[in-house]
């Protein structure tokens, strides 16, 4: 069985963090490629071991990624 997931990559504290918002699973690595490979492994392990109800509970029919702008006073 195959599935496609969204990945968000960002640098945090010197490491690249890869997160799948659909499953709420994250991993990290020294490079984007390493972080993505680690995330793929983590997602694979989750999908192999989680119950169908757990997987269905994390997945939704639609997901949106957007941005917004706000003003704030620096601390």
Protein backbone atom coordinates (compact mmCIF):
# COMPACT_ATOMS: atom_id res chain seq x y z
CA UNK A 1 0.00 0.00 0.00
CA UNK A 2 1.24 3.52 -0.78
CA UNK A 3 0.37 6.89 0.70
CA UNK A 4 1.61 10.42 0.10
CA UNK A 5 2.26 12.84 2.96
CA UNK A 6 3.21 16.49 3.30
CA UNK A 7 6.59 17.32 4.84
CA UNK A 8 7.61 20.59 6.45
CA UNK A 9 11.37 21.09 6.84
CA UNK A 10 12.89 23.77 9.06
CA UNK A 11 16.14 24.38 10.92
CA UNK A 12 15.90 24.33 14.71
CA UNK A 13 18.91 24.61 16.99
CA UNK A 14 21.32 23.60 14.22
CA UNK A 15 19.38 20.52 13.09
CA UNK A 16 16.90 20.07 10.28
CA UNK A 17 13.49 19.01 11.56
CA UNK A 18 11.10 17.20 9.22
CA UNK A 19 7.44 17.02 10.20
CA UNK A 20 4.43 15.34 8.65
CA UNK A 21 1.42 17.44 9.69
CA UNK A 22 -1.09 14.79 8.58
CA UNK A 23 0.27 12.25 11.07
CA UNK A 24 1.79 14.66 13.61
CA UNK A 25 5.11 12.79 13.40
CA UNK A 26 8.52 14.49 13.31
CA UNK A 27 12.15 13.52 13.04
CA UNK A 28 15.45 15.31 12.58
CA UNK A 29 18.82 15.08 10.90
CA UNK A 30 21.97 17.01 10.14
CA UNK A 31 20.83 17.71 6.56
CA UNK A 32 17.45 17.97 4.82
CA UNK A 33 18.03 14.59 3.13
CA UNK A 34 18.90 12.92 6.44
CA UNK A 35 15.89 14.48 8.20
CA UNK A 36 13.59 13.33 5.40
CA UNK A 37 15.02 9.79 5.46
CA UNK A 38 14.57 9.65 9.24
CA UNK A 39 10.99 10.90 8.92
CA UNK A 40 10.21 8.29 6.27
CA UNK A 41 11.51 5.61 8.62
CA UNK A 42 9.47 6.96 11.56
CA UNK A 43 6.29 7.16 9.48
CA UNK A 44 6.87 3.65 8.13
CA UNK A 45 7.28 2.25 11.63
CA UNK A 46 4.14 4.06 12.79
CA UNK A 47 2.08 2.75 9.87
CA UNK A 48 3.34 -0.81 10.46
CA UNK A 49 2.53 -0.83 14.18
CA UNK A 50 -0.47 1.48 14.68
CA UNK A 51 -4.00 0.17 14.64
CA UNK A 52 -6.23 1.15 11.72
CA UNK A 53 -8.26 3.29 14.14
CA UNK A 54 -5.12 5.18 15.25
CA UNK A 55 -4.08 5.83 11.66
CA UNK A 56 -7.57 6.93 10.65
CA UNK A 57 -7.78 9.19 13.71
CA UNK A 58 -4.66 11.07 12.66
CA UNK A 59 -5.58 11.41 9.00
CA UNK A 60 -8.19 13.83 7.79
CA UNK A 61 -9.78 14.20 4.39
CA UNK A 62 -8.24 17.63 3.85
CA UNK A 63 -5.29 19.58 5.18
CA UNK A 64 -4.29 23.17 4.56
CA UNK A 65 -0.96 24.85 5.04
CA UNK A 66 -1.11 28.63 5.08
CA UNK A 67 0.58 31.65 6.61
CA UNK A 68 -0.61 34.76 8.37
CA UNK A 69 0.99 38.03 9.36
CA UNK A 70 0.73 39.73 12.71
CA UNK A 71 2.37 42.59 14.58
CA UNK A 72 4.07 42.17 17.91
CA UNK A 73 6.30 44.11 20.27
CA UNK A 74 9.75 42.60 20.81
CA UNK A 75 10.50 41.51 24.36
